[in-house]
Protein backbone atom coordinates (compact mmCIF):
# COMPACT_ATOMS: atom_id res chain seq x y z
CA MET A 1 -0.03 0.11 0.01
CA ARG A 2 1.50 3.59 -1.00
CA GLU A 3 0.12 6.82 0.42
CA ILE A 4 1.41 10.47 0.86
CA VAL A 5 1.24 11.35 4.60
CA GLU A 6 1.38 15.15 5.57
CA THR A 7 3.76 15.87 8.38
CA ALA A 8 4.39 19.12 10.26
CA SER A 9 7.90 19.22 7.99
CA GLY A 10 6.35 18.48 4.81
CA ALA A 11 4.84 15.36 3.04
CA MET A 12 6.34 12.02 2.44
CA HIS A 13 5.77 8.89 0.34
CA VAL A 14 4.93 5.91 2.63
CA GLU A 15 5.11 2.50 1.05
CA TRP A 16 4.10 -0.26 3.47
CA ASP A 17 4.99 -3.96 3.66
CA VAL A 18 7.26 -3.43 0.32
CA PRO A 19 8.23 -6.98 -0.54
CA ILE A 20 12.25 -7.83 -0.85
CA THR A 21 13.02 -11.22 -2.17
CA MET A 22 16.24 -12.29 -0.73
CA SER A 23 18.61 -14.66 -2.83
CA ASP A 24 17.02 -17.79 -1.09
CA ASN A 25 13.66 -16.40 -2.22
CA VAL A 26 12.78 -15.86 1.24
CA VAL A 27 10.59 -12.87 1.11
CA LEU A 28 10.93 -9.84 3.65
CA ARG A 29 8.73 -6.72 4.12
CA ALA A 30 9.91 -3.17 4.64
CA ASP A 31 8.23 0.30 5.31
CA VAL A 32 9.82 2.80 3.07
CA PHE A 33 9.61 6.61 3.93
CA ARG A 34 10.67 8.89 1.20
CA PRO A 35 10.12 12.65 0.62
CA VAL A 36 7.86 13.64 -2.08
CA GLY A 37 9.85 15.01 -5.15
CA ASP A 38 12.83 13.93 -7.04
CA THR A 39 15.72 14.90 -4.65
CA ASP A 40 18.52 12.92 -3.28
CA VAL A 41 18.57 12.03 0.30
CA PRO A 42 20.79 9.93 2.45
CA VAL A 43 19.32 6.63 3.50
CA LEU A 44 18.49 5.59 7.18
CA LEU A 45 18.10 1.96 7.72
CA SER A 46 16.70 0.34 10.74
CA TYR A 47 16.61 -3.48 10.72
CA GLY A 48 16.24 -6.23 13.04
CA PRO A 49 14.38 -9.55 13.54
CA TYR A 50 11.57 -7.94 15.37
CA ALA A 51 9.01 -4.85 15.55
CA LYS A 52 9.13 -3.49 12.31
CA GLY A 53 7.20 -0.31 13.42
CA LEU A 54 9.36 0.14 16.30
CA PRO A 55 11.07 3.52 16.33
CA PHE A 56 14.92 3.00 16.12
CA GLN A 57 15.57 5.43 19.25
CA GLU A 58 13.11 3.47 21.49
CA GLY A 59 13.90 -0.22 20.45
CA TYR A 60 17.66 0.21 20.10
CA ALA A 61 18.49 3.34 22.73
CA GLY A 62 22.06 2.45 22.85
CA ALA A 63 22.71 2.22 19.34
CA TRP A 64 20.72 5.47 18.83
CA GLU A 65 22.76 7.21 21.35
CA LYS A 66 26.19 6.25 19.70
CA LEU A 67 24.50 7.29 16.22
CA VAL A 68 23.62 10.76 17.59
CA SER A 69 26.90 11.02 19.26
CA ASP A 70 28.95 10.28 16.19
CA HIS A 71 26.68 11.91 13.74
CA PRO A 72 24.69 14.81 15.69
CA ASP A 73 23.35 15.86 12.43
CA VAL A 74 20.64 12.97 12.34
CA SER A 75 18.71 14.49 14.99
CA VAL A 76 19.05 18.06 14.36
CA ASP A 77 15.44 18.54 13.06
CA LEU A 78 13.89 15.98 15.16
CA ASP A 79 12.06 17.82 17.69
CA ALA A 80 9.41 16.30 20.27
CA SER A 81 6.56 16.86 18.03
CA THR A 82 8.07 15.45 14.88
CA LEU A 83 9.26 12.38 16.58
CA ALA A 84 5.73 11.99 18.09
CA GLU A 85 4.42 12.30 14.39
CA ILE A 86 6.96 9.73 12.96
CA ALA A 87 5.99 7.23 15.85
CA ALA A 88 2.16 7.82 15.37
CA ILE A 89 2.82 7.03 11.59
CA GLN A 90 4.96 3.97 12.22
CA VAL A 91 2.18 2.61 14.71
CA HIS A 92 -0.75 2.91 12.48
CA TYR A 93 0.21 0.82 9.45
CA PRO A 94 -2.12 -1.60 7.91
CA ASN A 95 -1.67 -5.25 9.14
CA PRO A 96 -1.52 -7.51 5.96
CA SER A 97 -3.06 -10.27 7.74
CA HIS A 98 -6.46 -8.62 8.01
């Protein structure tokens, strides 16, 4: 499912449960968040065996602290209201089993 979501910092394309076929034919699913428009942006990747919708800074607090310590620019624009919006978007994704 693909949609455009409005946030305080602008609109973004969201693609839910995008299938990714591995070399052994196992299919993984990812949620992809991209800005609207045709611009080059860096990729932030969060992966793990559980909780696809879990915000990285909550599920992997130690890794998040190291990331922010080494690269403080990743959190410069993430004020509390923006983080709350992102968390709300990630929590309310459609469940493919329904």
